[in-house]
Structure formats: structure tokens, C-alpha cells
């Protein structure tokens, strides 16, 4: 089993982070027998933040799917969903 076989990714969510608004994805992976969660924040097709998840990221409440590098990147969110609702 490859280390990449044990990687799961959440759906992208539009979220306000310390770096501003962006698409947030939570990633579960195994590290020395322990499950870890990492967060990637994407804006304008760039990763603008990457770090271990904190409670306010709400990664424990997300649904995960196995990461499949062969199928390509996660589908891009709807283009009309670009900001917070007031």
C-alpha cells in the first residue's frame, strides 16, 4: 500500500480564513499510524494557505472521498459562488 492510498479529501467550501476568502479543502492522511488533517486554501487557482487543521476549519464535520490522482483535480466550484452572502 502506497502512502497516497490512505489520503482522503473533503469537498471544497467557500470560507473566510485568516488569509481572506477562499476555497478550503480538508485532507486526511496517515502519519506514523496517526490520522492527521491538513487544510489547503485556494484562491484564483493558487494555494494561498496550507497548514494543519484547527477546530474552526470544521474538518471533522465534512464528508471525505479517497483522493484519486489519476482522475485529475477536484471539479472547480460553480463560478457564480464567489463571495459571502449578506
N, C-alpha and C. Protein backbone atom coordinates (compact mmCIF):
# COMPACT_ATOMS: atom_id res chain seq x y z
N UNK A 1 0.84 -1.18 0.00
CA UNK A 1 0.00 0.00 0.00
C UNK A 1 0.89 1.25 0.00
N UNK A 2 0.61 2.14 -0.90
CA UNK A 2 1.34 3.40 -1.01
C UNK A 2 0.80 4.40 0.01
N UNK A 3 1.64 5.33 0.50
CA UNK A 3 1.13 6.34 1.43
C UNK A 3 0.00 7.18 0.85
N UNK A 4 -0.02 7.36 -0.45
CA UNK A 4 -1.07 8.15 -1.09
C UNK A 4 -2.41 7.41 -1.08
N UNK A 5 -2.39 6.07 -0.91
CA UNK A 5 -3.63 5.30 -0.87
C UNK A 5 -4.48 5.65 0.35
N UNK A 6 -3.88 6.17 1.39
CA UNK A 6 -4.60 6.47 2.63
C UNK A 6 -4.96 7.94 2.75
N UNK A 7 -5.08 8.65 1.63
CA UNK A 7 -5.39 10.08 1.65
C UNK A 7 -6.83 10.29 1.21
N UNK A 8 -7.59 11.04 2.03
CA UNK A 8 -8.97 11.39 1.72
C UNK A 8 -9.09 12.90 1.69
N UNK A 9 -9.98 13.40 0.82
CA UNK A 9 -10.15 14.85 0.67
C UNK A 9 -11.63 15.20 0.78
N UNK A 10 -11.89 16.37 1.37
CA UNK A 10 -13.27 16.85 1.50
C UNK A 10 -13.66 17.62 0.25
N UNK A 11 -14.95 17.94 0.16
CA UNK A 11 -15.43 18.84 -0.89
C UNK A 11 -14.86 20.23 -0.61
N UNK A 12 -14.73 21.04 -1.63
CA UNK A 12 -14.30 22.42 -1.45
C UNK A 12 -15.44 23.24 -0.84
N UNK A 13 -15.08 24.14 0.09
CA UNK A 13 -16.05 25.03 0.73
C UNK A 13 -15.54 26.46 0.67
N UNK A 14 -16.43 27.39 0.38
CA UNK A 14 -16.08 28.81 0.35
C UNK A 14 -16.05 29.29 1.80
N UNK A 15 -14.91 29.81 2.23
CA UNK A 15 -14.74 30.15 3.63
C UNK A 15 -13.85 31.36 3.81
N UNK A 16 -14.10 32.11 4.88
CA UNK A 16 -13.25 33.24 5.22
C UNK A 16 -12.19 32.74 6.20
N UNK A 17 -10.93 32.84 5.81
CA UNK A 17 -9.83 32.40 6.65
C UNK A 17 -8.98 33.60 7.01
N UNK A 18 -7.94 33.38 7.75
CA UNK A 18 -7.03 34.46 8.14
C UNK A 18 -6.39 35.10 6.91
N UNK A 19 -6.33 34.38 5.80
CA UNK A 19 -5.77 34.90 4.55
C UNK A 19 -6.85 35.51 3.65
N UNK A 20 -8.08 35.60 4.12
CA UNK A 20 -9.18 36.13 3.33
C UNK A 20 -10.08 35.02 2.81
N UNK A 21 -10.99 35.36 1.92
CA UNK A 21 -11.93 34.38 1.36
C UNK A 21 -11.21 33.47 0.38
N UNK A 22 -11.59 32.19 0.42
CA UNK A 22 -11.01 31.22 -0.50
C UNK A 22 -11.72 29.89 -0.38
N UNK A 23 -11.40 28.99 -1.29
CA UNK A 23 -11.94 27.63 -1.27
C UNK A 23 -11.08 26.80 -0.34
N UNK A 24 -11.70 26.17 0.67
CA UNK A 24 -10.98 25.38 1.66
C UNK A 24 -11.25 23.90 1.42
N UNK A 25 -10.19 23.11 1.43
CA UNK A 25 -10.30 21.65 1.35
C UNK A 25 -9.55 21.05 2.53
N UNK A 26 -10.17 20.10 3.20
CA UNK A 26 -9.54 19.37 4.29
C UNK A 26 -9.02 18.04 3.73
N UNK A 27 -7.85 17.63 4.17
CA UNK A 27 -7.23 16.39 3.70
C UNK A 27 -6.84 15.55 4.90
N UNK A 28 -7.35 14.30 4.95
CA UNK A 28 -6.94 13.34 5.98
C UNK A 28 -5.82 12.48 5.41
N UNK A 29 -4.80 12.20 6.23
CA UNK A 29 -3.74 11.29 5.83
C UNK A 29 -3.18 10.61 7.07
N UNK A 30 -2.42 9.54 6.85
CA UNK A 30 -1.80 8.78 7.95
C UNK A 30 -0.36 9.22 8.11
N UNK A 31 0.04 9.47 9.36
CA UNK A 31 1.40 9.86 9.68
C UNK A 31 1.84 9.04 10.89
N UNK A 32 2.71 8.09 10.67
CA UNK A 32 3.23 7.22 11.73
C UNK A 32 2.10 6.58 12.54
N UNK A 33 1.08 6.10 11.84
CA UNK A 33 -0.03 5.41 12.48
C UNK A 33 -1.11 6.31 13.05
N UNK A 34 -1.00 7.61 12.88
CA UNK A 34 -2.00 8.55 13.38
C UNK A 34 -2.65 9.29 12.22
N UNK A 35 -3.97 9.49 12.35
CA UNK A 35 -4.67 10.26 11.32
C UNK A 35 -4.43 11.75 11.59
N UNK A 36 -3.99 12.44 10.56
CA UNK A 36 -3.76 13.88 10.64
C UNK A 36 -4.69 14.56 9.64
N UNK A 37 -4.96 15.84 9.88
CA UNK A 37 -5.79 16.60 8.96
C UNK A 37 -5.05 17.88 8.59
N UNK A 38 -4.96 18.12 7.30
CA UNK A 38 -4.28 19.29 6.75
C UNK A 38 -5.30 20.08 5.96
N UNK A 39 -5.12 21.38 5.88
CA UNK A 39 -6.05 22.27 5.18
C UNK A 39 -5.31 22.99 4.06
N UNK A 40 -5.96 23.09 2.92
CA UNK A 40 -5.47 23.89 1.80
C UNK A 40 -6.51 24.95 1.49
N UNK A 41 -6.08 26.19 1.33
CA UNK A 41 -6.98 27.28 0.92
C UNK A 41 -6.54 27.71 -0.47
N UNK A 42 -7.51 27.72 -1.39
CA UNK A 42 -7.23 28.00 -2.79
C UNK A 42 -7.98 29.27 -3.21
N UNK A 43 -7.28 30.16 -3.92
CA UNK A 43 -7.90 31.36 -4.45
C UNK A 43 -7.25 31.65 -5.80
N UNK A 44 -8.09 31.88 -6.80
CA UNK A 44 -7.57 32.16 -8.15
C UNK A 44 -6.60 31.09 -8.63
N UNK A 45 -6.94 29.82 -8.41
CA UNK A 45 -6.14 28.67 -8.86
C UNK A 45 -4.77 28.57 -8.20
N UNK A 46 -4.58 29.23 -7.07
CA UNK A 46 -3.33 29.14 -6.32
C UNK A 46 -3.61 28.72 -4.89
N UNK A 47 -2.72 27.94 -4.32
CA UNK A 47 -2.80 27.63 -2.90
C UNK A 47 -2.26 28.83 -2.16
N UNK A 48 -3.13 29.50 -1.38
CA UNK A 48 -2.73 30.70 -0.65
C UNK A 48 -2.43 30.42 0.81
N UNK A 49 -2.82 29.24 1.30
CA UNK A 49 -2.52 28.84 2.67
C UNK A 49 -2.58 27.33 2.75
N UNK A 50 -1.69 26.76 3.53
CA UNK A 50 -1.65 25.32 3.76
C UNK A 50 -1.10 25.11 5.17
N UNK A 51 -1.85 24.34 5.97
CA UNK A 51 -1.47 24.17 7.37
C UNK A 51 -2.25 23.02 7.98
N UNK A 52 -1.84 22.61 9.19
CA UNK A 52 -2.63 21.63 9.91
C UNK A 52 -3.96 22.27 10.29
N UNK A 53 -5.03 21.48 10.26
CA UNK A 53 -6.37 21.99 10.53
C UNK A 53 -6.51 22.39 12.00
N UNK A 54 -7.35 23.40 12.22
CA UNK A 54 -7.74 23.81 13.56
C UNK A 54 -9.24 23.62 13.68
N UNK A 55 -9.76 23.69 14.89
CA UNK A 55 -11.17 23.41 15.14
C UNK A 55 -12.11 24.27 14.31
N UNK A 56 -11.79 25.53 14.12
CA UNK A 56 -12.67 26.42 13.36
C UNK A 56 -12.76 26.08 11.87
N UNK A 57 -11.87 25.23 11.38
CA UNK A 57 -11.95 24.78 9.98
C UNK A 57 -13.11 23.80 9.78
N UNK A 58 -13.62 23.23 10.87
CA UNK A 58 -14.76 22.29 10.85
C UNK A 58 -14.50 21.07 9.97
N UNK A 59 -13.27 20.62 9.92
CA UNK A 59 -12.93 19.45 9.10
C UNK A 59 -13.59 18.16 9.60
N UNK A 60 -13.86 18.06 10.90
CA UNK A 60 -14.49 16.85 11.45
C UNK A 60 -15.93 16.70 10.99
N UNK A 61 -16.55 17.78 10.55
CA UNK A 61 -17.94 17.74 10.11
C UNK A 61 -18.08 17.49 8.61
N UNK A 62 -16.97 17.33 7.90
CA UNK A 62 -17.00 17.20 6.44
C UNK A 62 -17.11 15.75 6.01
N UNK A 63 -17.55 15.56 4.77
CA UNK A 63 -17.60 14.25 4.13
C UNK A 63 -16.35 14.12 3.26
N UNK A 64 -15.72 12.96 3.31
CA UNK A 64 -14.46 12.75 2.60
C UNK A 64 -14.59 11.67 1.54
N UNK A 65 -13.78 11.81 0.50
CA UNK A 65 -13.66 10.81 -0.57
C UNK A 65 -12.19 10.49 -0.75
N UNK A 66 -11.88 9.27 -1.20
CA UNK A 66 -10.47 8.96 -1.46
C UNK A 66 -9.90 9.90 -2.52
N UNK A 67 -8.69 10.35 -2.30
CA UNK A 67 -8.01 11.19 -3.29
C UNK A 67 -7.53 10.30 -4.42
N UNK A 68 -7.93 10.63 -5.65
CA UNK A 68 -7.57 9.84 -6.80
C UNK A 68 -6.77 10.73 -7.76
N UNK A 69 -5.46 10.61 -7.73
CA UNK A 69 -4.62 11.44 -8.58
C UNK A 69 -4.78 11.12 -10.05
N UNK A 70 -5.22 9.91 -10.37
CA UNK A 70 -5.38 9.50 -11.76
C UNK A 70 -6.56 10.19 -12.43
N UNK A 71 -7.58 10.58 -11.65
CA UNK A 71 -8.78 11.17 -12.24
C UNK A 71 -8.68 12.68 -12.40
N UNK A 72 -7.60 13.27 -11.95
CA UNK A 72 -7.42 14.70 -12.11
C UNK A 72 -7.87 15.46 -10.88
N UNK A 73 -7.85 16.79 -10.98
CA UNK A 73 -8.18 17.62 -9.82
C UNK A 73 -9.66 17.56 -9.48
N UNK A 74 -9.99 17.99 -8.27
CA UNK A 74 -11.37 18.10 -7.84
C UNK A 74 -12.08 19.10 -8.74
N UNK A 75 -13.32 18.80 -9.14
CA UNK A 75 -14.03 19.75 -10.00
C UNK A 75 -14.10 21.13 -9.37
N UNK A 76 -13.96 22.14 -10.20
CA UNK A 76 -13.99 23.52 -9.74
C UNK A 76 -15.41 23.88 -9.29
N UNK A 77 -15.55 24.63 -8.20
CA UNK A 77 -16.88 25.04 -7.74
C UNK A 77 -17.58 25.93 -8.77
N UNK A 78 -18.86 26.11 -8.60
CA UNK A 78 -19.63 26.96 -9.51
C UNK A 78 -19.06 28.37 -9.53
N UNK A 79 -18.92 28.94 -10.70
CA UNK A 79 -18.30 30.26 -10.83
C UNK A 79 -19.15 31.37 -10.21
N UNK A 80 -20.45 31.18 -10.09
CA UNK A 80 -21.30 32.21 -9.51
C UNK A 80 -21.19 32.29 -8.00
N UNK A 81 -20.57 31.33 -7.36
CA UNK A 81 -20.47 31.28 -5.91
C UNK A 81 -19.14 31.88 -5.48
N UNK A 82 -19.01 33.19 -5.56
CA UNK A 82 -17.70 33.83 -5.38
C UNK A 82 -17.57 34.68 -4.13
N UNK A 83 -18.54 34.70 -3.26
CA UNK A 83 -18.37 35.54 -2.10
C UNK A 83 -19.39 35.26 -1.03
N UNK A 84 -19.25 35.96 0.09
CA UNK A 84 -20.18 35.74 1.19
C UNK A 84 -21.56 36.29 0.87
N UNK A 85 -22.55 35.74 1.53
CA UNK A 85 -23.92 36.23 1.39
C UNK A 85 -24.18 37.18 2.54
N UNK A 86 -24.72 38.33 2.23
CA UNK A 86 -25.05 39.31 3.28
C UNK A 86 -26.53 39.48 3.39
